[in-house]
Amino acid sequence: MFDGPEPIYLQIAEHLRDQVLTGALTEGDQVMSTTQFATTYRINPATAAKAFTLLVTEDVIYKQRGVGMFVADGARERLRERRRGAFYTDRLGPVLAEAGLLGISSADLIRYIEEKELRA
């Protein structure tokens, strides 16, 4: 499952972020323990723990001592805000720059988007 080029702990963190964003995990849901995660995906528990630590620092999950890890209140909205910002700077910005190089106007882009929305 975690066979991408990024370090595994980053892939795990991204996987959990995606679960929160899609609603597969909601506020207050318990997240698999590092041991369960390590056993399920056959990875080192320290790798899973590193991912969980990252998510705790991002306020996506929190630790309840002796009980486990849980999705933090407001985690989904925080993740959406971060991804929206990244979407504009990391994805849409380069697309608009390329469109400008190719002479594609804003009106052409809007028309294309509207046509795609109608087909969806």
PDB file of N, CA and C in Angstrom:
ATOM      1  N   MET A   1       0.826  -1.202   0.000  1.00  0.00           N
ATOM      2  CA  MET A   1       0.000   0.000   0.000  1.00  0.00           C
ATOM      3  C   MET A   1       0.866   1.260   0.000  1.00  0.00           C
ATOM      4  N   PHE A   2       1.900   1.272   0.792  1.00  0.00           N
ATOM      5  CA  PHE A   2       2.749   2.461   0.886  1.00  0.00           C
ATOM      6  C   PHE A   2       4.020   2.228   0.075  1.00  0.00           C
ATOM      7  N   ASP A   3       3.893   2.293  -1.230  1.00  0.00           N
ATOM      8  CA  ASP A   3       5.031   2.006  -2.089  1.00  0.00           C
ATOM      9  C   ASP A   3       5.429   3.203  -2.961  1.00  0.00           C
ATOM     10  N   GLY A   4       5.015   4.392  -2.583  1.00  0.00           N
ATOM     11  CA  GLY A   4       5.367   5.592  -3.332  1.00  0.00           C
ATOM     12  C   GLY A   4       6.803   6.013  -3.066  1.00  0.00           C
ATOM     13  N   PRO A   5       7.257   7.047  -3.746  1.00  0.00           N
ATOM     14  CA  PRO A   5       8.649   7.497  -3.593  1.00  0.00           C
ATOM     15  C   PRO A   5       8.920   8.268  -2.293  1.00  0.00           C
ATOM     16  N   GLU A   6       7.870   8.773  -1.640  1.00  0.00           N
ATOM     17  CA  GLU A   6       8.058   9.528  -0.401  1.00  0.00           C
ATOM     18  C   GLU A   6       8.330   8.573   0.762  1.00  0.00           C
ATOM     19  N   PRO A   7       8.932   9.074   1.832  1.00  0.00           N
ATOM     20  CA  PRO A   7       9.108   8.237   3.017  1.00  0.00           C
ATOM     21  C   PRO A   7       7.763   7.670   3.485  1.00  0.00           C
ATOM     22  N   ILE A   8       7.799   6.456   3.995  1.00  0.00           N
ATOM     23  CA  ILE A   8       6.560   5.762   4.374  1.00  0.00           C
ATOM     24  C   ILE A   8       5.763   6.544   5.408  1.00  0.00           C
ATOM     25  N   TYR A   9       6.455   7.176   6.364  1.00  0.00           N
ATOM     26  CA  TYR A   9       5.690   7.893   7.393  1.00  0.00           C
ATOM     27  C   TYR A   9       4.894   9.048   6.782  1.00  0.00           C
ATOM     28  N   LEU A  10       5.425   9.674   5.729  1.00  0.00           N
ATOM     29  CA  LEU A  10       4.674  10.736   5.060  1.00  0.00           C
ATOM     30  C   LEU A  10       3.477  10.167   4.305  1.00  0.00           C
ATOM     31  N   GLN A  11       3.656   8.990   3.718  1.00  0.00           N
ATOM     32  CA  GLN A  11       2.551   8.343   3.008  1.00  0.00           C
ATOM     33  C   GLN A  11       1.444   7.939   3.993  1.00  0.00           C
ATOM     34  N   ILE A  12       1.845   7.455   5.150  1.00  0.00           N
ATOM     35  CA  ILE A  12       0.861   7.094   6.180  1.00  0.00           C
ATOM     36  C   ILE A  12       0.095   8.335   6.621  1.00  0.00           C
ATOM     37  N   ALA A  13       0.827   9.402   6.886  1.00  0.00           N
ATOM     38  CA  ALA A  13       0.185  10.649   7.315  1.00  0.00           C
ATOM     39  C   ALA A  13      -0.792  11.141   6.244  1.00  0.00           C
ATOM     40  N   GLU A  14      -0.383  11.073   4.992  1.00  0.00           N
ATOM     41  CA  GLU A  14      -1.257  11.513   3.905  1.00  0.00           C
ATOM     42  C   GLU A  14      -2.489  10.612   3.799  1.00  0.00           C
ATOM     43  N   HIS A  15      -2.292   9.325   3.988  1.00  0.00           N
ATOM     44  CA  HIS A  15      -3.412   8.375   3.958  1.00  0.00           C
ATOM     45  C   HIS A  15      -4.446   8.738   5.038  1.00  0.00           C
ATOM     46  N   LEU A  16      -3.969   9.029   6.231  1.00  0.00           N
ATOM     47  CA  LEU A  16      -4.888   9.385   7.321  1.00  0.00           C
ATOM     48  C   LEU A  16      -5.549  10.743   7.072  1.00  0.00           C
ATOM     49  N   ARG A  17      -4.781  11.683   6.513  1.00  0.00           N
ATOM     50  CA  ARG A  17      -5.382  12.988   6.172  1.00  0.00           C
ATOM     51  C   ARG A  17      -6.514  12.783   5.167  1.00  0.00           C
ATOM     52  N   ASP A  18      -6.249  11.930   4.157  1.00  0.00           N
ATOM     53  CA  ASP A  18      -7.276  11.656   3.146  1.00  0.00           C
ATOM     54  C   ASP A  18      -8.515  11.036   3.779  1.00  0.00           C
ATOM     55  N   GLN A  19      -8.325  10.149   4.736  1.00  0.00           N
ATOM     56  CA  GLN A  19      -9.467   9.531   5.406  1.00  0.00           C
ATOM     57  C   GLN A  19     -10.297  10.569   6.158  1.00  0.00           C
ATOM     58  N   VAL A  20      -9.614  11.542   6.753  1.00  0.00           N
ATOM     59  CA  VAL A  20     -10.342  12.611   7.451  1.00  0.00           C
ATOM     60  C   VAL A  20     -11.069  13.490   6.432  1.00  0.00           C
ATOM     61  N   LEU A  21     -10.400  13.828   5.342  1.00  0.00           N
ATOM     62  CA  LEU A  21     -11.009  14.692   4.332  1.00  0.00           C
ATOM     63  C   LEU A  21     -12.219  14.040   3.665  1.00  0.00           C
ATOM     64  N   THR A  22     -12.153  12.746   3.421  1.00  0.00           N
ATOM     65  CA  THR A  22     -13.269  12.065   2.753  1.00  0.00           C
ATOM     66  C   THR A  22     -14.399  11.729   3.718  1.00  0.00           C
ATOM     67  N   GLY A  23     -14.133  11.861   5.003  1.00  0.00           N
ATOM     68  CA  GLY A  23     -15.156  11.545   5.989  1.00  0.00           C
ATOM     69  C   GLY A  23     -15.110  10.093   6.454  1.00  0.00           C
ATOM     70  N   ALA A  24     -14.136   9.328   5.972  1.00  0.00           N
ATOM     71  CA  ALA A  24     -13.988   7.950   6.447  1.00  0.00           C
ATOM     72  C   ALA A  24     -13.653   7.953   7.938  1.00  0.00           C
ATOM     73  N   LEU A  25     -12.939   8.978   8.366  1.00  0.00           N
ATOM     74  CA  LEU A  25     -12.674   9.206   9.795  1.00  0.00           C
ATOM     75  C   LEU A  25     -13.267  10.570  10.131  1.00  0.00           C
ATOM     76  N   THR A  26     -14.053  10.619  11.179  1.00  0.00           N
ATOM     77  CA  THR A  26     -14.659  11.888  11.584  1.00  0.00           C
ATOM     78  C   THR A  26     -14.171  12.271  12.975  1.00  0.00           C
ATOM     79  N   GLU A  27     -14.476  13.501  13.358  1.00  0.00           N
ATOM     80  CA  GLU A  27     -14.043  14.018  14.657  1.00  0.00           C
ATOM     81  C   GLU A  27     -14.388  13.043  15.769  1.00  0.00           C
ATOM     82  N   GLY A  28     -13.409  12.742  16.600  1.00  0.00           N
ATOM     83  CA  GLY A  28     -13.623  11.854  17.733  1.00  0.00           C
ATOM     84  C   GLY A  28     -13.433  10.384  17.425  1.00  0.00           C
ATOM     85  N   ASP A  29     -13.338  10.033  16.135  1.00  0.00           N
ATOM     86  CA  ASP A  29     -13.099   8.628  15.794  1.00  0.00           C
ATOM     87  C   ASP A  29     -11.726   8.194  16.279  1.00  0.00           C
ATOM     88  N   GLN A  30     -11.654   6.965  16.750  1.00  0.00           N
ATOM     89  CA  GLN A  30     -10.355   6.436  17.163  1.00  0.00           C
ATOM     90  C   GLN A  30      -9.601   5.960  15.935  1.00  0.00           C
ATOM     91  N   VAL A  31      -8.325   6.289  15.908  1.00  0.00           N
ATOM     92  CA  VAL A  31      -7.436   5.883  14.827  1.00  0.00           C
ATOM     93  C   VAL A  31      -6.730   4.603  15.266  1.00  0.00           C
ATOM     94  N   MET A  32      -6.414   3.764  14.297  1.00  0.00           N
ATOM     95  CA  MET A  32      -5.664   2.549  14.612  1.00  0.00           C
ATOM     96  C   MET A  32      -4.421   2.895  15.417  1.00  0.00           C
ATOM     97  N   SER A  33      -4.061   2.051  16.347  1.00  0.00           N
ATOM     98  CA  SER A  33      -2.841   2.286  17.122  1.00  0.00           C
ATOM     99  C   SER A  33      -1.617   2.081  16.218  1.00  0.00           C
ATOM    100  N   THR A  34      -0.482   2.567  16.683  1.00  0.00           N
ATOM    101  CA  THR A  34       0.740   2.381  15.895  1.00  0.00           C
ATOM    102  C   THR A  34       1.042   0.890  15.732  1.00  0.00           C
ATOM    103  N   THR A  35       0.774   0.113  16.768  1.00  0.00           N
ATOM    104  CA  THR A  35       1.020  -1.334  16.688  1.00  0.00           C
ATOM    105  C   THR A  35       0.083  -1.985  15.675  1.00  0.00           C
ATOM    106  N   GLN A  36      -1.198  -1.618  15.721  1.00  0.00           N
ATOM    107  CA  GLN A  36      -2.155  -2.164  14.755  1.00  0.00           C
ATOM    108  C   GLN A  36      -1.767  -1.749  13.333  1.00  0.00           C
ATOM    109  N   PHE A  37      -1.386  -0.505  13.195  1.00  0.00           N
ATOM    110  CA  PHE A  37      -1.002   0.000  11.883  1.00  0.00           C
ATOM    111  C   PHE A  37       0.221  -0.760  11.367  1.00  0.00           C
ATOM    112  N   ALA A  38       1.198  -0.919  12.239  1.00  0.00           N
ATOM    113  CA  ALA A  38       2.425  -1.621  11.851  1.00  0.00           C
ATOM    114  C   ALA A  38       2.140  -3.071  11.482  1.00  0.00           C
ATOM    115  N   THR A  39       1.278  -3.715  12.245  1.00  0.00           N
ATOM    116  CA  THR A  39       0.947  -5.115  11.972  1.00  0.00           C
ATOM    117  C   THR A  39       0.140  -5.246  10.686  1.00  0.00           C
ATOM    118  N   THR A  40      -0.836  -4.388  10.517  1.00  0.00           N
ATOM    119  CA  THR A  40      -1.698  -4.449   9.328  1.00  0.00           C
ATOM    120  C   THR A  40      -0.909  -4.217   8.043  1.00  0.00           C
ATOM    121  N   TYR A  41      -0.039  -3.215   8.079  1.00  0.00           N
ATOM    122  CA  TYR A  41       0.676  -2.849   6.846  1.00  0.00           C
ATOM    123  C   TYR A  41       2.120  -3.355   6.811  1.00  0.00           C
ATOM    124  N   ARG A  42       2.471  -4.147   7.801  1.00  0.00           N
ATOM    125  CA  ARG A  42       3.806  -4.755   7.864  1.00  0.00           C
ATOM    126  C   ARG A  42       4.920  -3.721   7.724  1.00  0.00           C
ATOM    127  N   ILE A  43       4.844  -2.756   8.618  1.00  0.00           N
ATOM    128  CA  ILE A  43       5.872  -1.715   8.674  1.00  0.00           C
ATOM    129  C   ILE A  43       6.402  -1.641  10.095  1.00  0.00           C
ATOM    130  N   ASN A  44       7.487  -0.941  10.260  1.00  0.00           N
ATOM    131  CA  ASN A  44       8.072  -0.749  11.583  1.00  0.00           C
ATOM    132  C   ASN A  44       7.153   0.132  12.432  1.00  0.00           C
ATOM    133  N   PRO A  45       6.860  -0.247  13.675  1.00  0.00           N
ATOM    134  CA  PRO A  45       6.007   0.588  14.523  1.00  0.00           C
ATOM    135  C   PRO A  45       6.553   2.009  14.699  1.00  0.00           C
ATOM    136  N   ALA A  46       7.867   2.157  14.672  1.00  0.00           N
ATOM    137  CA  ALA A  46       8.451   3.496  14.804  1.00  0.00           C
ATOM    138  C   ALA A  46       8.082   4.374  13.616  1.00  0.00           C
ATOM    139  N   THR A  47       7.927   3.765  12.449  1.00  0.00           N
ATOM    140  CA  THR A  47       7.529   4.515  11.254  1.00  0.00           C
ATOM    141  C   THR A  47       6.098   5.012  11.411  1.00  0.00           C
ATOM    142  N   ALA A  48       5.215   4.143  11.876  1.00  0.00           N
ATOM    143  CA  ALA A  48       3.825   4.553  12.114  1.00  0.00           C
ATOM    144  C   ALA A  48       3.781   5.638  13.191  1.00  0.00           C
ATOM    145  N   ALA A  49       4.579   5.457  14.233  1.00  0.00           N
ATOM    146  CA  ALA A  49       4.605   6.443  15.318  1.00  0.00           C
ATOM    147  C   ALA A  49       5.074   7.805  14.812  1.00  0.00           C
ATOM    148  N   LYS A  50       6.028   7.802  13.896  1.00  0.00           N
ATOM    149  CA  LYS A  50       6.518   9.066  13.327  1.00  0.00           C
ATOM    150  C   LYS A  50       5.395   9.784  12.558  1.00  0.00           C
ATOM    151  N   ALA A  51       4.608   9.015  11.826  1.00  0.00           N
ATOM    152  CA  ALA A  51       3.476   9.601  11.095  1.00  0.00           C
ATOM    153  C   ALA A  51       2.453  10.171  12.070  1.00  0.00           C
ATOM    154  N   PHE A  52       2.180   9.437  13.126  1.00  0.00           N
ATOM    155  CA  PHE A  52       1.194   9.892  14.097  1.00  0.00           C
ATOM    156  C   PHE A  52       1.678  11.149  14.818  1.00  0.00           C
ATOM    157  N   THR A  53       2.965  11.188  15.115  1.00  0.00           N
ATOM    158  CA  THR A  53       3.528  12.384  15.756  1.00  0.00           C
ATOM    159  C   THR A  53       3.361  13.602  14.856  1.00  0.00           C
ATOM    160  N   LEU A  54       3.607  13.402  13.569  1.00  0.00           N
ATOM    161  CA  LEU A  54       3.430  14.499  12.612  1.00  0.00           C
ATOM    162  C   LEU A  54       1.981  14.995  12.629  1.00  0.00           C
ATOM    163  N   LEU A  55       1.039  14.057  12.631  1.00  0.00           N
ATOM    164  CA  LEU A  55      -0.376  14.437  12.615  1.00  0.00           C
ATOM    165  C   LEU A  55      -0.810  15.105  13.921  1.00  0.00           C
ATOM    166  N   VAL A  56      -0.169  14.734  15.015  1.00  0.00           N
ATOM    167  CA  VAL A  56      -0.469  15.398  16.290  1.00  0.00           C
ATOM    168  C   VAL A  56       0.013  16.848  16.229  1.00  0.00           C
ATOM    169  N   THR A  57       1.204  17.062  15.672  1.00  0.00           N
ATOM    170  CA  THR A  57       1.721  18.439  15.583  1.00  0.00           C
ATOM    171  C   THR A  57       0.874  19.293  14.639  1.00  0.00           C
ATOM    172  N   GLU A  58       0.221  18.640  13.669  1.00  0.00           N
ATOM    173  CA  GLU A  58      -0.653  19.360  12.735  1.00  0.00           C
ATOM    174  C   GLU A  58      -2.071  19.527  13.295  1.00  0.00           C
ATOM    175  N   ASP A  59      -2.309  19.001  14.488  1.00  0.00           N
ATOM    176  CA  ASP A  59      -3.626  19.078  15.132  1.00  0.00           C
ATOM    177  C   ASP A  59      -4.702  18.335  14.344  1.00  0.00           C
ATOM    178  N   VAL A  60      -4.294  17.254  13.695  1.00  0.00           N
ATOM    179  CA  VAL A  60      -5.251  16.402  12.985  1.00  0.00           C
ATOM    180  C   VAL A  60      -5.753  15.309  13.918  1.00  0.00           C
ATOM    181  N   ILE A  61      -4.861  14.776  14.731  1.00  0.00           N
ATOM    182  CA  ILE A  61      -5.244  13.767  15.712  1.00  0.00           C
ATOM    183  C   ILE A  61      -4.682  14.188  17.069  1.00  0.00           C
ATOM    184  N   TYR A  62      -5.197  13.584  18.103  1.00  0.00           N
ATOM    185  CA  TYR A  62      -4.668  13.837  19.443  1.00  0.00           C
ATOM    186  C   TYR A  62      -4.582  12.517  20.187  1.00  0.00           C
ATOM    187  N   LYS A  63      -3.714  12.498  21.168  1.00  0.00           N
ATOM    188  CA  LYS A  63      -3.492  11.294  21.961  1.00  0.00           C
ATOM    189  C   LYS A  63      -4.230  11.413  23.282  1.00  0.00           C
ATOM    190  N   GLN A  64      -4.957  10.365  23.614  1.00  0.00           N
ATOM    191  CA  GLN A  64      -5.569  10.286  24.930  1.00  0.00           C
ATOM    192  C   GLN A  64      -4.839   9.175  25.654  1.00  0.00           C
ATOM    193  N   ARG A  65      -4.027   9.577  26.624  1.00  0.00           N
ATOM    194  CA  ARG A  65      -3.139   8.656  27.319  1.00  0.00           C
ATOM    195  C   ARG A  65      -3.881   7.407  27.815  1.00  0.00           C
ATOM    196  N   GLY A  66      -3.317   6.265  27.438  1.00  0.00           N
ATOM    197  CA  GLY A  66      -3.868   4.987  27.880  1.00  0.00           C
ATOM    198  C   GLY A  66      -5.078   4.510  27.086  1.00  0.00           C
ATOM    199  N   VAL A  67      -5.563   5.336  26.177  1.00  0.00           N
ATOM    200  CA  VAL A  67      -6.760   4.969  25.401  1.00  0.00           C
ATOM    201  C   VAL A  67      -6.436   4.824  23.922  1.00  0.00           C
ATOM    202  N   GLY A  68      -5.746   5.829  23.346  1.00  0.00           N
ATOM    203  CA  GLY A  68      -5.411   5.763  21.927  1.00  0.00           C
ATOM    204  C   GLY A  68      -5.356   7.127  21.282  1.00  0.00           C
ATOM    205  N   MET A  69      -5.394   7.113  19.961  1.00  0.00           N
ATOM    206  CA  MET A  69      -5.328   8.334  19.159  1.00  0.00           C
ATOM    207  C   MET A  69      -6.705   8.572  18.539  1.00  0.00           C
ATOM    208  N   PHE A  70      -7.105   9.847  18.476  1.00  0.00           N
ATOM    209  CA  PHE A  70      -8.432  10.191  17.981  1.00  0.00           C
ATOM    210  C   PHE A  70      -8.340  11.376  17.017  1.00  0.00           C
ATOM    211  N   VAL A  71      -9.307  11.466  16.131  1.00  0.00           N
ATOM    212  CA  VAL A  71      -9.374  12.596  15.206  1.00  0.00           C
ATOM    213  C   VAL A  71      -9.781  13.836  15.992  1.00  0.00           C
ATOM    214  N   ALA A  72      -9.008  14.891  15.832  1.00  0.00           N
ATOM    215  CA  ALA A  72      -9.234  16.132  16.573  1.00  0.00           C
ATOM    216  C   ALA A  72     -10.459  16.887  16.051  1.00  0.00           C
ATOM    217  N   ASP A  73     -11.083  17.632  16.930  1.00  0.00           N
ATOM    218  CA  ASP A  73     -12.192  18.497  16.524  1.00  0.00           C
ATOM    219  C   ASP A  73     -11.686  19.511  15.499  1.00  0.00           C
ATOM    220  N   GLY A  74     -12.428  19.719  14.446  1.00  0.00           N
ATOM    221  CA  GLY A  74     -12.079  20.692  13.417  1.00  0.00           C
ATOM    222  C   GLY A  74     -10.986  20.239  12.473  1.00  0.00           C
ATOM    223  N   ALA A  75     -10.560  18.989  12.581  1.00  0.00           N
ATOM    224  CA  ALA A  75      -9.454  18.493  11.744  1.00  0.00           C
ATOM    225  C   ALA A  75      -9.793  18.566  10.258  1.00  0.00           C
ATOM    226  N   ARG A  76     -10.996  18.162   9.914  1.00  0.00           N
ATOM    227  CA  ARG A  76     -11.366  18.152   8.494  1.00  0.00           C
ATOM    228  C   ARG A  76     -11.312  19.556   7.901  1.00  0.00           C
ATOM    229  N   GLU A  77     -11.857  20.515   8.615  1.00  0.00           N
ATOM    230  CA  GLU A  77     -11.871  21.886   8.086  1.00  0.00           C
ATOM    231  C   GLU A  77     -10.450  22.445   7.984  1.00  0.00           C
ATOM    232  N   ARG A  78      -9.608  22.160   8.967  1.00  0.00           N
ATOM    233  CA  ARG A  78      -8.206  22.627   8.901  1.00  0.00           C
ATOM    234  C   ARG A  78      -7.494  22.020   7.693  1.00  0.00           C
ATOM    235  N   LEU A  79      -7.717  20.725   7.476  1.00  0.00           N
ATOM    236  CA  LEU A  79      -7.080  20.066   6.328  1.00  0.00           C
ATOM    237  C   LEU A  79      -7.589  20.658   5.012  1.00  0.00           C
ATOM    238  N   ARG A  80      -8.884  20.916   4.948  1.00  0.00           N
ATOM    239  CA  ARG A  80      -9.439  21.497   3.722  1.00  0.00           C
ATOM    240  C   ARG A  80      -8.823  22.859   3.439  1.00  0.00           C
ATOM    241  N   GLU A  81      -8.683  23.668   4.473  1.00  0.00           N
ATOM    242  CA  GLU A  81      -8.090  24.999   4.288  1.00  0.00           C
ATOM    243  C   GLU A  81      -6.653  24.892   3.790  1.00  0.00           C
ATOM    244  N   ARG A  82      -5.884  24.005   4.384  1.00  0.00           N
ATOM    245  CA  ARG A  82      -4.488  23.826   3.958  1.00  0.00           C
ATOM    246  C   ARG A  82      -4.418  23.341   2.520  1.00  0.00           C
ATOM    247  N   ARG A  83      -5.248  22.380   2.183  1.00  0.00           N
ATOM    248  CA  ARG A  83      -5.206  21.831   0.823  1.00  0.00           C
ATOM    249  C   ARG A  83      -5.705  22.839  -0.206  1.00  0.00           C
ATOM    250  N   ARG A  84      -6.668  23.646   0.177  1.00  0.00           N
ATOM    251  CA  ARG A  84      -7.134  24.676  -0.751  1.00  0.00           C
ATOM    252  C   ARG A  84      -5.993  25.633  -1.080  1.00  0.00           C
ATOM    253  N   GLY A  85      -5.283  26.053  -0.057  1.00  0.00           N
ATOM    254  CA  GLY A  85      -4.150  26.950  -0.286  1.00  0.00           C
ATOM    255  C   GLY A  85      -3.107  26.299  -1.174  1.00  0.00           C
ATOM    256  N   ALA A  86      -2.804  25.042  -0.908  1.00  0.00           N
ATOM    257  CA  ALA A  86      -1.821  24.315  -1.716  1.00  0.00           C
ATOM    258  C   ALA A  86      -2.338  24.100  -3.131  1.00  0.00           C
ATOM    259  N   PHE A  87      -3.638  23.900  -3.270  1.00  0.00           N
ATOM    260  CA  PHE A  87      -4.219  23.693  -4.601  1.00  0.00           C
ATOM    261  C   PHE A  87      -3.952  24.910  -5.491  1.00  0.00           C
ATOM    262  N   TYR A  88      -4.189  26.084  -4.950  1.00  0.00           N
ATOM    263  CA  TYR A  88      -3.992  27.290  -5.757  1.00  0.00           C
ATOM    264  C   TYR A  88      -2.522  27.525  -6.078  1.00  0.00           C
ATOM    265  N   THR A  89      -1.660  27.354  -5.091  1.00  0.00           N
ATOM    266  CA  THR A  89      -0.250  27.662  -5.335  1.00  0.00           C
ATOM    267  C   THR A  89       0.496  26.541  -6.062  1.00  0.00           C
ATOM    268  N   ASP A  90       0.211  25.304  -5.690  1.00  0.00           N
ATOM    269  CA  ASP A  90       0.991  24.193  -6.250  1.00  0.00           C
ATOM    270  C   ASP A  90       0.412  23.622  -7.538  1.00  0.00           C
ATOM    271  N   ARG A  91      -0.873  23.731  -7.716  1.00  0.00           N
ATOM    272  CA  ARG A  91      -1.489  23.104  -8.897  1.00  0.00           C
ATOM    273  C   ARG A  91      -2.065  24.118  -9.881  1.00  0.00           C
ATOM    274  N   LEU A  92      -2.946  24.968  -9.392  1.00  0.00           N
ATOM    275  CA  LEU A  92      -3.616  25.886 -10.316  1.00  0.00           C
ATOM    276  C   LEU A  92      -2.657  26.942 -10.860  1.00  0.00           C
ATOM    277  N   GLY A  93      -1.760  27.422 -10.019  1.00  0.00           N
ATOM    278  CA  GLY A  93      -0.799  28.432 -10.478  1.00  0.00           C
ATOM    279  C   GLY A  93      -0.003  27.960 -11.686  1.00  0.00           C
ATOM    280  N   PRO A  94       0.626  26.784 -11.618  1.00  0.00           N
ATOM    281  CA  PRO A  94       1.359  26.286 -12.786  1.00  0.00           C
ATOM    282  C   PRO A  94       0.467  26.056 -14.003  1.00  0.00           C
ATOM    283  N   VAL A  95      -0.762  25.613 -13.799  1.00  0.00           N
ATOM    284  CA  VAL A  95      -1.683  25.402 -14.922  1.00  0.00           C
ATOM    285  C   VAL A  95      -1.982  26.741 -15.603  1.00  0.00           C
ATOM    286  N   LEU A  96      -2.225  27.767 -14.799  1.00  0.00           N
ATOM    287  CA  LEU A  96      -2.511  29.083 -15.375  1.00  0.00           C
ATOM    288  C   LEU A  96      -1.291  29.649 -16.088  1.00  0.00           C
ATOM    289  N   ALA A  97      -0.121  29.407 -15.532  1.00  0.00           N
ATOM    290  CA  ALA A  97       1.105  29.865 -16.203  1.00  0.00           C
ATOM    291  C   ALA A  97       1.267  29.170 -17.547  1.00  0.00           C
ATOM    292  N   GLU A  98       1.017  27.856 -17.585  1.00  0.00           N
ATOM    293  CA  GLU A  98       1.115  27.105 -18.843  1.00  0.00           C
ATOM    294  C   GLU A  98       0.051  27.573 -19.831  1.00  0.00           C
ATOM    295  N   ALA A  99      -1.169  27.830 -19.327  1.00  0.00           N
ATOM    296  CA  ALA A  99      -2.236  28.325 -20.202  1.00  0.00           C
ATOM    297  C   ALA A  99      -1.827  29.657 -20.823  1.00  0.00           C
ATOM    298  N   GLY A 100      -1.182  30.504 -20.015  1.00  0.00           N
ATOM    299  CA  GLY A 100      -0.727  31.781 -20.544  1.00  0.00           C
ATOM    300  C   GLY A 100       0.305  31.598 -21.644  1.00  0.00           C
ATOM    301  N   LEU A 101       1.222  30.657 -21.446  1.00  0.00           N
ATOM    302  CA  LEU A 101       2.239  30.381 -22.470  1.00  0.00           C
ATOM    303  C   LEU A 101       1.616  29.859 -23.762  1.00  0.00           C
ATOM    304  N   LEU A 102       0.539  29.109 -23.621  1.00  0.00           N
ATOM    305  CA  LEU A 102      -0.115  28.504 -24.778  1.00  0.00           C
ATOM    306  C   LEU A 102      -1.166  29.411 -25.402  1.00  0.00           C
ATOM    307  N   GLY A 103      -1.370  30.583 -24.796  1.00  0.00           N
ATOM    308  CA  GLY A 103      -2.332  31.528 -25.348  1.00  0.00           C
ATOM    309  C   GLY A 103      -3.777  31.149 -25.058  1.00  0.00           C
ATOM    310  N   ILE A 104      -3.986  30.357 -24.038  1.00  0.00           N
ATOM    311  CA  ILE A 104      -5.350  29.978 -23.652  1.00  0.00           C
ATOM    312  C   ILE A 104      -5.886  31.072 -22.726  1.00  0.00           C
ATOM    313  N   SER A 105      -7.007  31.653 -23.100  1.00  0.00           N
ATOM    314  CA  SER A 105      -7.563  32.767 -22.333  1.00  0.00           C
ATOM    315  C   SER A 105      -8.325  32.266 -21.106  1.00  0.00           C
ATOM    316  N   SER A 106      -8.590  33.175 -20.184  1.00  0.00           N
ATOM    317  CA  SER A 106      -9.400  32.856 -19.010  1.00  0.00           C
ATOM    318  C   SER A 106     -10.786  32.399 -19.431  1.00  0.00           C
ATOM    319  N   ALA A 107     -11.334  33.059 -20.458  1.00  0.00           N
ATOM    320  CA  ALA A 107     -12.667  32.679 -20.942  1.00  0.00           C
ATOM    321  C   ALA A 107     -12.657  31.247 -21.468  1.00  0.00           C
ATOM    322  N   ASP A 108     -11.585  30.869 -22.180  1.00  0.00           N
ATOM    323  CA  ASP A 108     -11.479  29.488 -22.682  1.00  0.00           C
ATOM    324  C   ASP A 108     -11.412  28.500 -21.519  1.00  0.00           C
ATOM    325  N   LEU A 109     -10.643  28.855 -20.490  1.00  0.00           N
ATOM    326  CA  LEU A 109     -10.528  27.973 -19.328  1.00  0.00           C
ATOM    327  C   LEU A 109     -11.870  27.827 -18.616  1.00  0.00           C
ATOM    328  N   ILE A 110     -12.562  28.937 -18.449  1.00  0.00           N
ATOM    329  CA  ILE A 110     -13.863  28.883 -17.771  1.00  0.00           C
ATOM    330  C   ILE A 110     -14.843  28.042 -18.587  1.00  0.00           C
ATOM    331  N   ARG A 111     -14.864  28.239 -19.889  1.00  0.00           N
ATOM    332  CA  ARG A 111     -15.754  27.468 -20.762  1.00  0.00           C
ATOM    333  C   ARG A 111     -15.433  25.966 -20.649  1.00  0.00           C
ATOM    334  N   TYR A 112     -14.146  25.642 -20.631  1.00  0.00           N
ATOM    335  CA  TYR A 112     -13.722  24.246 -20.508  1.00  0.00           C
ATOM    336  C   TYR A 112     -14.197  23.652 -19.176  1.00  0.00           C
ATOM    337  N   ILE A 113     -14.009  24.404 -18.108  1.00  0.00           N
ATOM    338  CA  ILE A 113     -14.429  23.923 -16.780  1.00  0.00           C
ATOM    339  C   ILE A 113     -15.939  23.732 -16.748  1.00  0.00           C
ATOM    340  N   GLU A 114     -16.680  24.679 -17.281  1.00  0.00           N
ATOM    341  CA  GLU A 114     -18.141  24.557 -17.277  1.00  0.00           C
ATOM    342  C   GLU A 114     -18.607  23.360 -18.096  1.00  0.00           C
ATOM    343  N   GLU A 115     -17.943  23.106 -19.224  1.00  0.00           N
ATOM    344  CA  GLU A 115     -18.305  21.930 -20.034  1.00  0.00           C
ATOM    345  C   GLU A 115     -18.029  20.639 -19.274  1.00  0.00           C
ATOM    346  N   LYS A 116     -16.902  20.599 -18.566  1.00  0.00           N
ATOM    347  CA  LYS A 116     -16.555  19.407 -17.783  1.00  0.00           C
ATOM    348  C   LYS A 116     -17.563  19.179 -16.654  1.00  0.00           C
ATOM    349  N   GLU A 117     -18.001  20.274 -16.028  1.00  0.00           N
ATOM    350  CA  GLU A 117     -18.970  20.154 -14.938  1.00  0.00           C
ATOM    351  C   GLU A 117     -20.304  19.619 -15.445  1.00  0.00           C
ATOM    352  N   LEU A 118     -20.703  20.017 -16.657  1.00  0.00           N
ATOM    353  CA  LEU A 118     -21.963  19.554 -17.212  1.00  0.00           C
ATOM    354  C   LEU A 118     -21.924  18.062 -17.492  1.00  0.00           C
ATOM    355  N   ARG A 119     -20.747  17.553 -17.865  1.00  0.00           N
ATOM    356  CA  ARG A 119     -20.612  16.121 -18.165  1.00  0.00           C
ATOM    357  C   ARG A 119     -20.514  15.267 -16.910  1.00  0.00           C
ATOM    358  N   ALA A 120     -20.132  15.886 -15.825  1.00  0.00           N
ATOM    359  CA  ALA A 120     -19.928  15.105 -14.590  1.00  0.00           C
ATOM    360  C   ALA A 120     -21.231  14.741 -13.915  1.00  0.00           C
TER     361      ALA A 120
END
